[in-house]
Amino acid sequence: MKKNSILILSILFFIFSNLANAGKLYKWVDENGKISFSDKVPPEESKREREELNEEGRTVAVQDAAKTPEEIRQLKKINNLQKTQNELLQRQLAEDAALLKTFRTEEDIDTLAKSKLEMINSHISIANNQSKTLRKQLIIHQKAAANFERAGKAIPDKSLANIKLAEEQFHKKQQEIAEFESQKVQLSQQLSNDKKRFNTVTKQTGEKPKIHDGSIPSLSLGELTCHQKSCDFLWESAITFITQSDGKIIYRSDNLILTKPPKLSKEIGLSLTKISQEQQTNIILDIRCADSKGGKETCRSPLTTQLVESFNQLAD
């Protein structure tokens, strides 16, 4: 038994030595599990995944198998997703930079908001006083018109014109007040959003987020569909899902979540993207693996498929 093992090792060493000296050495496995080694890949085997080996028989590169039409379509979809992610990321990073440049603390946000609110309230107060004056003028013109009617006389055109003008000015002023009140609501919402984003940005890791981080994509995408009322809850559920899947979030915005990129073969990186189109919103889970032989195996593993299936069940 021992002699047979030594003989086999000697033969393999001889093969590796001769093939390595001849040039590149490739290894591939056919559909029956048969392992082949050669310095040239036969044409009929060229579509299979193959490994390039060094003189010691270690894998130094992996050539992917030829992709099926379905895999090509899926890869195109993933590439388009990455373009969308990059656009979302760059836009948000620019907004974050402007926010941090404008404010150093939450108190700075409160101070600016208070100043703007006081200015709006001042405009509302002035507009209310003007509205009261216009209302009084309208009542005077209406009473004058009523006096003509009680006297059995026709209301003069000038009196009617005065009433019409006073009504238009009064309604215009009321609209102005409504617009100021709307600005107060918007300011309050902006204050809340700025404070929330300020806290998020200042608490995120110092690691600069990147979409193209040198990892490779799994060809499986998770996808949830929702409408406006249910999307906020589903988005938070999706975030909880990736944190429970051991994803360490390094970047977070209202429509993009990125976890720490994979470095080791068994690690995965996750991203969530929320894309709104008309009345429908899609929440997409993208899985990425390390760009290595082991990383490719991780992306093709049943665990990755199971992760996508579990994610898709969040909408049930």
C-alpha atoms as a PDB file:
ATOM      1  CA  MET A   1       0.000   0.000   0.000  1.00  0.00           C
ATOM      2  CA  LYS A   2       2.787   2.340   0.979  1.00  0.00           C
ATOM      3  CA  LYS A   3       4.707   1.483  -2.186  1.00  0.00           C
ATOM      4  CA  ASN A   4       1.637   2.219  -4.322  1.00  0.00           C
ATOM      5  CA  SER A   5       1.208   5.667  -2.685  1.00  0.00           C
ATOM      6  CA  ILE A   6       4.830   6.537  -3.296  1.00  0.00           C
ATOM      7  CA  LEU A   7       4.513   5.387  -6.895  1.00  0.00           C
ATOM      8  CA  ILE A   8       1.409   7.529  -7.500  1.00  0.00           C
ATOM      9  CA  LEU A   9       3.059  10.600  -5.977  1.00  0.00           C
ATOM     10  CA  SER A  10       6.133  10.032  -8.109  1.00  0.00           C
ATOM     11  CA  ILE A  11       4.060   9.777 -11.278  1.00  0.00           C
ATOM     12  CA  LEU A  12       2.147  12.986 -10.427  1.00  0.00           C
ATOM     13  CA  PHE A  13       5.415  14.770  -9.671  1.00  0.00           C
ATOM     14  CA  PHE A  14       6.795  13.615 -13.019  1.00  0.00           C
ATOM     15  CA  ILE A  15       3.690  14.834 -14.862  1.00  0.00           C
ATOM     16  CA  PHE A  16       3.700  18.227 -13.117  1.00  0.00           C
ATOM     17  CA  SER A  17       7.403  18.726 -13.724  1.00  0.00           C
ATOM     18  CA  ASN A  18       7.222  17.972 -17.435  1.00  0.00           C
ATOM     19  CA  LEU A  19       4.048  19.970 -18.051  1.00  0.00           C
ATOM     20  CA  ALA A  20       5.303  22.924 -16.019  1.00  0.00           C
ATOM     21  CA  ASN A  21       8.541  22.986 -18.005  1.00  0.00           C
ATOM     22  CA  ALA A  22       6.524  22.923 -21.198  1.00  0.00           C
ATOM     23  CA  GLY A  23       4.673  26.132 -20.257  1.00  0.00           C
ATOM     24  CA  LYS A  24       1.336  26.807 -18.562  1.00  0.00           C
ATOM     25  CA  LEU A  25      -0.429  23.947 -16.838  1.00  0.00           C
ATOM     26  CA  TYR A  26      -4.203  23.696 -16.675  1.00  0.00           C
ATOM     27  CA  LYS A  27      -6.560  21.591 -14.616  1.00  0.00           C
ATOM     28  CA  TRP A  28     -10.244  21.016 -15.282  1.00  0.00           C
ATOM     29  CA  VAL A  29     -13.046  18.675 -14.253  1.00  0.00           C
ATOM     30  CA  ASP A  30     -15.610  17.238 -16.673  1.00  0.00           C
ATOM     31  CA  GLU A  31     -19.288  16.510 -16.013  1.00  0.00           C
ATOM     32  CA  ASN A  32     -18.378  13.041 -14.714  1.00  0.00           C
ATOM     33  CA  GLY A  33     -15.944  14.380 -12.151  1.00  0.00           C
ATOM     34  CA  LYS A  34     -12.862  13.306 -14.097  1.00  0.00           C
ATOM     35  CA  ILE A  35      -9.865  15.541 -13.403  1.00  0.00           C
ATOM     36  CA  SER A  36      -7.541  16.353 -16.309  1.00  0.00           C
ATOM     37  CA  PHE A  37      -4.181  18.114 -16.522  1.00  0.00           C
ATOM     38  CA  SER A  38      -2.562  19.510 -19.656  1.00  0.00           C
ATOM     39  CA  ASP A  39      -0.529  22.399 -20.998  1.00  0.00           C
ATOM     40  CA  LYS A  40      -3.178  22.775 -23.691  1.00  0.00           C
ATOM     41  CA  VAL A  41      -6.939  22.738 -23.309  1.00  0.00           C
ATOM     42  CA  PRO A  42      -8.720  20.691 -25.999  1.00  0.00           C
ATOM     43  CA  PRO A  43     -11.325  22.677 -27.960  1.00  0.00           C
ATOM     44  CA  GLU A  44     -14.142  20.484 -26.650  1.00  0.00           C
ATOM     45  CA  GLU A  45     -13.110  21.341 -23.065  1.00  0.00           C
ATOM     46  CA  SER A  46     -12.501  25.068 -23.595  1.00  0.00           C
ATOM     47  CA  LYS A  47     -15.914  26.083 -22.246  1.00  0.00           C
ATOM     48  CA  ARG A  48     -15.305  24.455 -18.876  1.00  0.00           C
ATOM     49  CA  GLU A  49     -13.945  26.251 -15.834  1.00  0.00           C
ATOM     50  CA  ARG A  50     -10.217  25.592 -15.576  1.00  0.00           C
ATOM     51  CA  GLU A  51      -7.416  26.393 -13.186  1.00  0.00           C
ATOM     52  CA  GLU A  52      -3.948  27.575 -14.100  1.00  0.00           C
ATOM     53  CA  LEU A  53      -1.308  25.909 -11.912  1.00  0.00           C
ATOM     54  CA  ASN A  54       2.226  26.920 -11.063  1.00  0.00           C
ATOM     55  CA  GLU A  55       5.251  24.631 -10.949  1.00  0.00           C
ATOM     56  CA  GLU A  56       4.265  23.461  -7.467  1.00  0.00           C
ATOM     57  CA  GLY A  57       0.772  22.533  -8.605  1.00  0.00           C
ATOM     58  CA  ARG A  58      -0.886  25.438  -6.814  1.00  0.00           C
ATOM     59  CA  THR A  59      -3.756  27.368  -8.405  1.00  0.00           C
ATOM     60  CA  VAL A  60      -2.632  30.821  -9.525  1.00  0.00           C
ATOM     61  CA  ALA A  61      -5.651  31.761 -11.668  1.00  0.00           C
ATOM     62  CA  VAL A  62      -9.117  30.480 -12.494  1.00  0.00           C
ATOM     63  CA  GLN A  63     -10.737  30.849 -15.894  1.00  0.00           C
ATOM     64  CA  ASP A  64     -14.502  30.888 -15.600  1.00  0.00           C
ATOM     65  CA  ALA A  65     -16.627  28.497 -17.575  1.00  0.00           C
ATOM     66  CA  ALA A  66     -18.490  29.896 -20.567  1.00  0.00           C
ATOM     67  CA  LYS A  67     -21.740  31.443 -19.366  1.00  0.00           C
ATOM     68  CA  THR A  68     -25.164  30.329 -20.462  1.00  0.00           C
ATOM     69  CA  PRO A  69     -27.536  32.822 -22.136  1.00  0.00           C
ATOM     70  CA  GLU A  70     -29.479  33.071 -18.846  1.00  0.00           C
ATOM     71  CA  GLU A  71     -26.257  33.788 -16.911  1.00  0.00           C
ATOM     72  CA  ILE A  72     -25.310  36.455 -19.456  1.00  0.00           C
ATOM     73  CA  ARG A  73     -28.711  38.137 -19.021  1.00  0.00           C
ATOM     74  CA  GLN A  74     -28.380  37.984 -15.246  1.00  0.00           C
ATOM     75  CA  LEU A  75     -24.851  39.414 -15.351  1.00  0.00           C
ATOM     76  CA  LYS A  76     -26.107  42.302 -17.506  1.00  0.00           C
ATOM     77  CA  LYS A  77     -28.835  42.953 -14.940  1.00  0.00           C
ATOM     78  CA  ILE A  78     -26.235  42.970 -12.161  1.00  0.00           C
ATOM     79  CA  ASN A  79     -24.001  45.376 -14.094  1.00  0.00           C
ATOM     80  CA  ASN A  80     -26.951  47.752 -14.573  1.00  0.00           C
ATOM     81  CA  LEU A  81     -27.698  47.453 -10.859  1.00  0.00           C
ATOM     82  CA  GLN A  82     -24.123  48.412 -10.033  1.00  0.00           C
ATOM     83  CA  LYS A  83     -24.374  51.497 -12.233  1.00  0.00           C
ATOM     84  CA  THR A  84     -27.531  52.531 -10.378  1.00  0.00           C
ATOM     85  CA  GLN A  85     -25.850  51.857  -7.032  1.00  0.00           C
ATOM     86  CA  ASN A  86     -22.851  53.962  -7.992  1.00  0.00           C
ATOM     87  CA  GLU A  87     -25.074  56.868  -9.052  1.00  0.00           C
ATOM     88  CA  LEU A  88     -26.986  56.685  -5.760  1.00  0.00           C
ATOM     89  CA  LEU A  89     -23.773  56.446  -3.772  1.00  0.00           C
ATOM     90  CA  GLN A  90     -21.983  59.360  -5.454  1.00  0.00           C
ATOM     91  CA  ARG A  91     -25.047  61.599  -5.178  1.00  0.00           C
ATOM     92  CA  GLN A  92     -25.473  60.822  -1.483  1.00  0.00           C
ATOM     93  CA  LEU A  93     -21.754  61.213  -0.729  1.00  0.00           C
ATOM     94  CA  ALA A  94     -21.873  64.694  -2.288  1.00  0.00           C
ATOM     95  CA  GLU A  95     -24.930  65.597  -0.184  1.00  0.00           C
ATOM     96  CA  ASP A  96     -23.255  64.209   2.937  1.00  0.00           C
ATOM     97  CA  ALA A  97     -20.115  66.239   2.272  1.00  0.00           C
ATOM     98  CA  ALA A  98     -22.219  69.407   1.935  1.00  0.00           C
ATOM     99  CA  LEU A  99     -24.107  68.579   5.142  1.00  0.00           C
ATOM    100  CA  LEU A 100     -20.908  68.082   7.150  1.00  0.00           C
ATOM    101  CA  LYS A 101     -19.445  71.244   5.659  1.00  0.00           C
ATOM    102  CA  THR A 102     -22.503  73.253   6.705  1.00  0.00           C
ATOM    103  CA  PHE A 103     -22.996  71.791  10.189  1.00  0.00           C
ATOM    104  CA  ARG A 104     -20.538  70.647  12.818  1.00  0.00           C
ATOM    105  CA  THR A 105     -23.051  69.658  15.463  1.00  0.00           C
ATOM    106  CA  GLU A 106     -26.769  68.966  15.803  1.00  0.00           C
ATOM    107  CA  GLU A 107     -27.081  72.282  17.624  1.00  0.00           C
ATOM    108  CA  ASP A 108     -25.947  74.052  14.446  1.00  0.00           C
ATOM    109  CA  ILE A 109     -28.879  72.456  12.590  1.00  0.00           C
ATOM    110  CA  ASP A 110     -31.310  73.532  15.331  1.00  0.00           C
ATOM    111  CA  THR A 111     -29.957  77.082  15.317  1.00  0.00           C
ATOM    112  CA  LEU A 112     -30.360  77.517  11.567  1.00  0.00           C
ATOM    113  CA  ALA A 113     -33.826  75.958  11.623  1.00  0.00           C
ATOM    114  CA  LYS A 114     -34.897  78.253  14.468  1.00  0.00           C
ATOM    115  CA  SER A 115     -33.701  81.301  12.545  1.00  0.00           C
ATOM    116  CA  LYS A 116     -35.596  80.245   9.413  1.00  0.00           C
ATOM    117  CA  LEU A 117     -38.711  79.430  11.442  1.00  0.00           C
ATOM    118  CA  GLU A 118     -38.710  82.861  13.074  1.00  0.00           C
ATOM    119  CA  MET A 119     -38.453  84.487   9.645  1.00  0.00           C
ATOM    120  CA  ILE A 120     -41.395  82.446   8.298  1.00  0.00           C
ATOM    121  CA  ASN A 121     -43.496  83.220  11.384  1.00  0.00           C
ATOM    122  CA  SER A 122     -42.744  86.899  10.880  1.00  0.00           C
ATOM    123  CA  HIS A 123     -43.999  86.693   7.284  1.00  0.00           C
ATOM    124  CA  ILE A 124     -47.116  84.850   8.449  1.00  0.00           C
ATOM    125  CA  SER A 125     -47.833  87.509  11.073  1.00  0.00           C
ATOM    126  CA  ILE A 126     -47.541  90.319   8.514  1.00  0.00           C
ATOM    127  CA  ALA A 127     -49.662  88.412   6.012  1.00  0.00           C
ATOM    128  CA  ASN A 128     -52.357  87.756   8.646  1.00  0.00           C
ATOM    129  CA  ASN A 129     -52.591  91.466   9.467  1.00  0.00           C
ATOM    130  CA  GLN A 130     -52.819  92.314   5.785  1.00  0.00           C
ATOM    131  CA  SER A 131     -55.468  89.645   5.355  1.00  0.00           C
ATOM    132  CA  LYS A 132     -57.564  91.136   8.155  1.00  0.00           C
ATOM    133  CA  THR A 133     -57.381  94.556   6.515  1.00  0.00           C
ATOM    134  CA  LEU A 134     -58.404  93.128   3.148  1.00  0.00           C
ATOM    135  CA  ARG A 135     -61.260  91.269   4.816  1.00  0.00           C
ATOM    136  CA  LYS A 136     -62.546  94.497   6.363  1.00  0.00           C
ATOM    137  CA  GLN A 137     -62.363  96.269   3.005  1.00  0.00           C
ATOM    138  CA  LEU A 138     -64.296  93.430   1.386  1.00  0.00           C
ATOM    139  CA  ILE A 139     -67.025  93.640   4.033  1.00  0.00           C
ATOM    140  CA  ILE A 140     -67.317  97.397   3.524  1.00  0.00           C
ATOM    141  CA  HIS A 141     -67.780  96.963  -0.245  1.00  0.00           C
ATOM    142  CA  GLN A 142     -70.296  94.150   0.310  1.00  0.00           C
ATOM    143  CA  LYS A 143     -72.328  96.290   2.746  1.00  0.00           C
ATOM    144  CA  ALA A 144     -72.366  99.163   0.275  1.00  0.00           C
ATOM    145  CA  ALA A 145     -73.700  96.812  -2.403  1.00  0.00           C
ATOM    146  CA  ALA A 146     -76.349  95.503   0.030  1.00  0.00           C
ATOM    147  CA  ASN A 147     -77.521  99.080   0.719  1.00  0.00           C
ATOM    148  CA  PHE A 148     -78.173  99.594  -2.994  1.00  0.00           C
ATOM    149  CA  GLU A 149     -80.192  96.391  -3.122  1.00  0.00           C
ATOM    150  CA  ARG A 150     -82.279  97.325  -0.062  1.00  0.00           C
ATOM    151  CA  ALA A 151     -83.006 100.696  -1.682  1.00  0.00           C
ATOM    152  CA  GLY A 152     -84.207  98.873  -4.782  1.00  0.00           C
ATOM    153  CA  LYS A 153     -81.388 100.223  -6.857  1.00  0.00           C
ATOM    154  CA  ALA A 154     -79.004  98.438  -9.178  1.00  0.00           C
ATOM    155  CA  ILE A 155     -75.529  97.889  -7.789  1.00  0.00           C
ATOM    156  CA  PRO A 156     -73.111 100.177  -9.667  1.00  0.00           C
ATOM    157  CA  ASP A 157     -70.427  98.520 -11.793  1.00  0.00           C
ATOM    158  CA  LYS A 158     -67.752 100.275  -9.750  1.00  0.00           C
ATOM    159  CA  SER A 159     -69.098  98.727  -6.536  1.00  0.00           C
ATOM    160  CA  LEU A 160     -69.121  95.275  -8.131  1.00  0.00           C
ATOM    161  CA  ALA A 161     -65.569  95.805  -9.397  1.00  0.00           C
ATOM    162  CA  ASN A 162     -64.478  96.840  -5.896  1.00  0.00           C
ATOM    163  CA  ILE A 163     -65.985  93.661  -4.431  1.00  0.00           C
ATOM    164  CA  LYS A 164     -64.297  91.472  -7.060  1.00  0.00           C
ATOM    165  CA  LEU A 165     -60.902  93.136  -6.513  1.00  0.00           C
ATOM    166  CA  ALA A 166     -61.193  92.884  -2.727  1.00  0.00           C
ATOM    167  CA  GLU A 167     -62.120  89.183  -2.962  1.00  0.00           C
ATOM    168  CA  GLU A 168     -59.152  88.450  -5.259  1.00  0.00           C
ATOM    169  CA  GLN A 169     -56.719  90.268  -2.982  1.00  0.00           C
ATOM    170  CA  PHE A 170     -58.112  88.533   0.110  1.00  0.00           C
ATOM    171  CA  HIS A 171     -57.914  85.044  -1.432  1.00  0.00           C
ATOM    172  CA  LYS A 172     -54.428  85.743  -2.769  1.00  0.00           C
ATOM    173  CA  LYS A 173     -53.279  86.702   0.716  1.00  0.00           C
ATOM    174  CA  GLN A 174     -54.855  83.537   2.157  1.00  0.00           C
ATOM    175  CA  GLN A 175     -52.919  81.459  -0.371  1.00  0.00           C
ATOM    176  CA  GLU A 176     -49.746  83.273   0.625  1.00  0.00           C
ATOM    177  CA  ILE A 177     -50.366  82.377   4.281  1.00  0.00           C
ATOM    178  CA  ALA A 178     -51.003  78.741   3.313  1.00  0.00           C
ATOM    179  CA  GLU A 179     -47.704  78.660   1.427  1.00  0.00           C
ATOM    180  CA  PHE A 180     -45.855  79.993   4.472  1.00  0.00           C
ATOM    181  CA  GLU A 181     -47.490  77.309   6.635  1.00  0.00           C
ATOM    182  CA  SER A 182     -46.419  74.697   4.099  1.00  0.00           C
ATOM    183  CA  GLN A 183     -42.867  76.025   4.296  1.00  0.00           C
ATOM    184  CA  LYS A 184     -42.986  75.519   8.075  1.00  0.00           C
ATOM    185  CA  VAL A 185     -43.971  71.869   7.596  1.00  0.00           C
ATOM    186  CA  GLN A 186     -41.227  71.387   4.999  1.00  0.00           C
ATOM    187  CA  LEU A 187     -38.688  73.074   7.247  1.00  0.00           C
ATOM    188  CA  SER A 188     -39.662  70.800  10.132  1.00  0.00           C
ATOM    189  CA  GLN A 189     -39.290  67.737   7.906  1.00  0.00           C
ATOM    190  CA  GLN A 190     -35.967  68.982   6.555  1.00  0.00           C
ATOM    191  CA  LEU A 191     -34.743  69.566  10.107  1.00  0.00           C
ATOM    192  CA  SER A 192     -35.678  66.007  11.044  1.00  0.00           C
ATOM    193  CA  ASN A 193     -34.036  64.568   7.908  1.00  0.00           C
ATOM    194  CA  ASP A 194     -30.840  66.604   8.348  1.00  0.00           C
ATOM    195  CA  LYS A 195     -30.462  65.580  11.989  1.00  0.00           C
ATOM    196  CA  LYS A 196     -31.131  61.943  11.175  1.00  0.00           C
ATOM    197  CA  ARG A 197     -28.647  61.953   8.296  1.00  0.00           C
ATOM    198  CA  PHE A 198     -26.074  63.883  10.338  1.00  0.00           C
ATOM    199  CA  ASN A 199     -26.208  61.207  13.039  1.00  0.00           C
ATOM    200  CA  THR A 200     -25.972  58.412  10.469  1.00  0.00           C
ATOM    201  CA  VAL A 201     -22.990  59.918   8.668  1.00  0.00           C
ATOM    202  CA  THR A 202     -21.028  60.725  11.811  1.00  0.00           C
ATOM    203  CA  LYS A 203     -21.554  57.204  13.177  1.00  0.00           C
ATOM    204  CA  GLN A 204     -20.565  55.328  10.019  1.00  0.00           C
ATOM    205  CA  THR A 205     -17.152  53.674   9.806  1.00  0.00           C
ATOM    206  CA  GLY A 206     -14.250  55.591   8.352  1.00  0.00           C
ATOM    207  CA  GLU A 207     -14.029  53.011   5.552  1.00  0.00           C
ATOM    208  CA  LYS A 208     -14.924  54.750   2.300  1.00  0.00           C
ATOM    209  CA  PRO A 209     -17.746  52.850   0.581  1.00  0.00           C
ATOM    210  CA  LYS A 210     -17.211  51.589  -2.939  1.00  0.00           C
ATOM    211  CA  ILE A 211     -19.470  49.771  -5.355  1.00  0.00           C
ATOM    212  CA  HIS A 212     -16.709  48.216  -7.450  1.00  0.00           C
ATOM    213  CA  ASP A 213     -14.557  46.769  -4.655  1.00  0.00           C
ATOM    214  CA  GLY A 214     -12.767  44.033  -6.586  1.00  0.00           C
ATOM    215  CA  SER A 215     -15.229  41.347  -5.511  1.00  0.00           C
ATOM    216  CA  ILE A 216     -17.271  39.135  -7.826  1.00  0.00           C
ATOM    217  CA  PRO A 217     -21.079  38.907  -7.972  1.00  0.00           C
ATOM    218  CA  SER A 218     -23.227  35.924  -7.280  1.00  0.00           C
ATOM    219  CA  LEU A 219     -25.569  35.440 -10.198  1.00  0.00           C
ATOM    220  CA  SER A 220     -28.483  35.182  -7.759  1.00  0.00           C
ATOM    221  CA  LEU A 221     -30.363  38.378  -6.913  1.00  0.00           C
ATOM    222  CA  GLY A 222     -33.002  38.711  -4.231  1.00  0.00           C
ATOM    223  CA  GLU A 223     -35.879  40.969  -5.184  1.00  0.00           C
ATOM    224  CA  LEU A 224     -38.878  42.311  -3.286  1.00  0.00           C
ATOM    225  CA  THR A 225     -41.689  44.409  -4.737  1.00  0.00           C
ATOM    226  CA  CYS A 226     -43.704  46.845  -2.674  1.00  0.00           C
ATOM    227  CA  HIS A 227     -45.935  49.889  -2.925  1.00  0.00           C
ATOM    228  CA  GLN A 228     -45.620  53.188  -1.099  1.00  0.00           C
ATOM    229  CA  LYS A 229     -47.479  52.280   2.099  1.00  0.00           C
ATOM    230  CA  SER A 230     -45.621  48.995   2.699  1.00  0.00           C
ATOM    231  CA  CYS A 231     -42.137  49.942   1.479  1.00  0.00           C
ATOM    232  CA  ASP A 232     -40.819  51.574   4.655  1.00  0.00           C
ATOM    233  CA  PHE A 233     -41.616  48.500   6.732  1.00  0.00           C
ATOM    234  CA  LEU A 234     -40.230  46.114   4.099  1.00  0.00           C
ATOM    235  CA  TRP A 235     -37.043  48.180   3.731  1.00  0.00           C
ATOM    236  CA  GLU A 236     -36.387  48.025   7.475  1.00  0.00           C
ATOM    237  CA  SER A 237     -37.148  44.285   7.420  1.00  0.00           C
ATOM    238  CA  ALA A 238     -34.589  43.848   4.628  1.00  0.00           C
ATOM    239  CA  ILE A 239     -31.962  45.746   6.641  1.00  0.00           C
ATOM    240  CA  THR A 240     -32.664  43.572   9.669  1.00  0.00           C
ATOM    241  CA  PHE A 241     -32.304  40.515   7.427  1.00  0.00           C
ATOM    242  CA  ILE A 242     -28.777  41.362   6.271  1.00  0.00           C
ATOM    243  CA  THR A 243     -27.597  42.265   9.790  1.00  0.00           C
ATOM    244  CA  GLN A 244     -28.907  38.915  11.008  1.00  0.00           C
ATOM    245  CA  SER A 245     -27.000  37.331   8.119  1.00  0.00           C
ATOM    246  CA  ASP A 246     -23.759  38.638   9.696  1.00  0.00           C
ATOM    247  CA  GLY A 247     -23.507  41.583   7.329  1.00  0.00           C
ATOM    248  CA  LYS A 248     -21.542  44.462   8.872  1.00  0.00           C
ATOM    249  CA  ILE A 249     -23.074  47.661   7.503  1.00  0.00           C
ATOM    250  CA  ILE A 250     -20.460  50.261   6.538  1.00  0.00           C
ATOM    251  CA  TYR A 251     -22.760  52.587   4.597  1.00  0.00           C
ATOM    252  CA  ARG A 252     -26.437  53.396   4.929  1.00  0.00           C
ATOM    253  CA  SER A 253     -28.792  55.775   3.150  1.00  0.00           C
ATOM    254  CA  ASP A 254     -32.507  55.867   2.373  1.00  0.00           C
ATOM    255  CA  ASN A 255     -32.046  53.768  -0.758  1.00  0.00           C
ATOM    256  CA  LEU A 256     -28.678  52.007  -0.482  1.00  0.00           C
ATOM    257  CA  ILE A 257     -27.110  49.714   2.126  1.00  0.00           C
ATOM    258  CA  LEU A 258     -23.564  48.350   1.804  1.00  0.00           C
ATOM    259  CA  THR A 259     -21.847  45.844   4.065  1.00  0.00           C
ATOM    260  CA  LYS A 260     -18.141  45.234   4.513  1.00  0.00           C
ATOM    261  CA  PRO A 261     -16.701  43.780   1.279  1.00  0.00           C
ATOM    262  CA  PRO A 262     -15.494  40.162   1.388  1.00  0.00           C
ATOM    263  CA  LYS A 263     -11.776  39.565   1.821  1.00  0.00           C
ATOM    264  CA  LEU A 264     -11.629  35.846   2.601  1.00  0.00           C
ATOM    265  CA  SER A 265     -12.941  33.006   0.458  1.00  0.00           C
ATOM    266  CA  LYS A 266     -15.846  32.134   2.747  1.00  0.00           C
ATOM    267  CA  GLU A 267     -16.940  35.735   3.348  1.00  0.00           C
ATOM    268  CA  ILE A 268     -19.768  37.442   1.478  1.00  0.00           C
ATOM    269  CA  GLY A 269     -20.643  41.087   0.999  1.00  0.00           C
ATOM    270  CA  LEU A 270     -24.256  42.199   0.798  1.00  0.00           C
ATOM    271  CA  SER A 271     -25.973  45.256  -0.611  1.00  0.00           C
ATOM    272  CA  LEU A 272     -29.552  46.482  -0.618  1.00  0.00           C
ATOM    273  CA  THR A 273     -30.846  48.865  -3.256  1.00  0.00           C
ATOM    274  CA  LYS A 274     -34.261  50.521  -3.257  1.00  0.00           C
ATOM    275  CA  ILE A 275     -35.344  51.560  -6.741  1.00  0.00           C
ATOM    276  CA  SER A 276     -38.646  53.397  -7.196  1.00  0.00           C
ATOM    277  CA  GLN A 277     -40.401  53.415 -10.544  1.00  0.00           C
ATOM    278  CA  GLU A 278     -43.785  55.145 -10.839  1.00  0.00           C
ATOM    279  CA  GLN A 279     -46.092  53.431  -8.313  1.00  0.00           C
ATOM    280  CA  GLN A 280     -43.857  50.402  -7.683  1.00  0.00           C
ATOM    281  CA  THR A 281     -40.641  50.019  -5.703  1.00  0.00           C
ATOM    282  CA  ASN A 282     -38.127  47.176  -5.931  1.00  0.00           C
ATOM    283  CA  ILE A 283     -35.752  46.235  -3.104  1.00  0.00           C
ATOM    284  CA  ILE A 284     -32.838  44.217  -4.474  1.00  0.00           C
ATOM    285  CA  LEU A 285     -30.338  42.066  -2.572  1.00  0.00           C
ATOM    286  CA  ASP A 286     -26.953  41.624  -4.264  1.00  0.00           C
ATOM    287  CA  ILE A 287     -24.426  39.074  -2.959  1.00  0.00           C
ATOM    288  CA  ARG A 288     -20.713  39.402  -3.636  1.00  0.00           C
ATOM    289  CA  CYS A 289     -17.754  37.140  -2.908  1.00  0.00           C
ATOM    290  CA  ALA A 290     -13.976  37.400  -2.842  1.00  0.00           C
ATOM    291  CA  ASP A 291     -12.323  37.249  -6.264  1.00  0.00           C
ATOM    292  CA  SER A 292     -10.656  33.868  -5.704  1.00  0.00           C
ATOM    293  CA  LYS A 293     -11.261  30.200  -6.382  1.00  0.00           C
ATOM    294  CA  GLY A 294     -12.779  29.757  -2.930  1.00  0.00           C
ATOM    295  CA  GLY A 295     -14.801  32.960  -3.331  1.00  0.00           C
ATOM    296  CA  LYS A 296     -16.332  31.671  -6.562  1.00  0.00           C
ATOM    297  CA  GLU A 297     -17.256  28.445  -4.818  1.00  0.00           C
ATOM    298  CA  THR A 298     -18.912  30.450  -2.039  1.00  0.00           C
ATOM    299  CA  CYS A 299     -20.977  32.417  -4.552  1.00  0.00           C
ATOM    300  CA  ARG A 300     -22.131  29.162  -6.154  1.00  0.00           C
ATOM    301  CA  SER A 301     -22.836  27.391  -2.876  1.00  0.00           C
ATOM    302  CA  PRO A 302     -26.320  26.256  -1.769  1.00  0.00           C
ATOM    303  CA  LEU A 303     -26.055  28.610   1.216  1.00  0.00           C
ATOM    304  CA  THR A 304     -26.017  31.591  -1.142  1.00  0.00           C
ATOM    305  CA  THR A 305     -29.073  30.282  -2.970  1.00  0.00           C
ATOM    306  CA  GLN A 306     -30.820  29.685   0.359  1.00  0.00           C
ATOM    307  CA  LEU A 307     -29.998  33.239   1.448  1.00  0.00           C
ATOM    308  CA  VAL A 308     -31.725  34.655  -1.637  1.00  0.00           C
ATOM    309  CA  GLU A 309     -34.749  32.391  -1.166  1.00  0.00           C
ATOM    310  CA  SER A 310     -35.099  33.449   2.487  1.00  0.00           C
ATOM    311  CA  PHE A 311     -34.834  37.111   1.487  1.00  0.00           C
ATOM    312  CA  ASN A 312     -37.562  36.759  -1.138  1.00  0.00           C
ATOM    313  CA  GLN A 313     -39.893  35.368   1.529  1.00  0.00           C
ATOM    314  CA  LEU A 314     -39.818  38.670   3.461  1.00  0.00           C
ATOM    315  CA  ALA A 315     -42.691  39.938   1.306  1.00  0.00           C
ATOM    316  CA  ASP A 316     -44.927  36.982   2.229  1.00  0.00           C
END
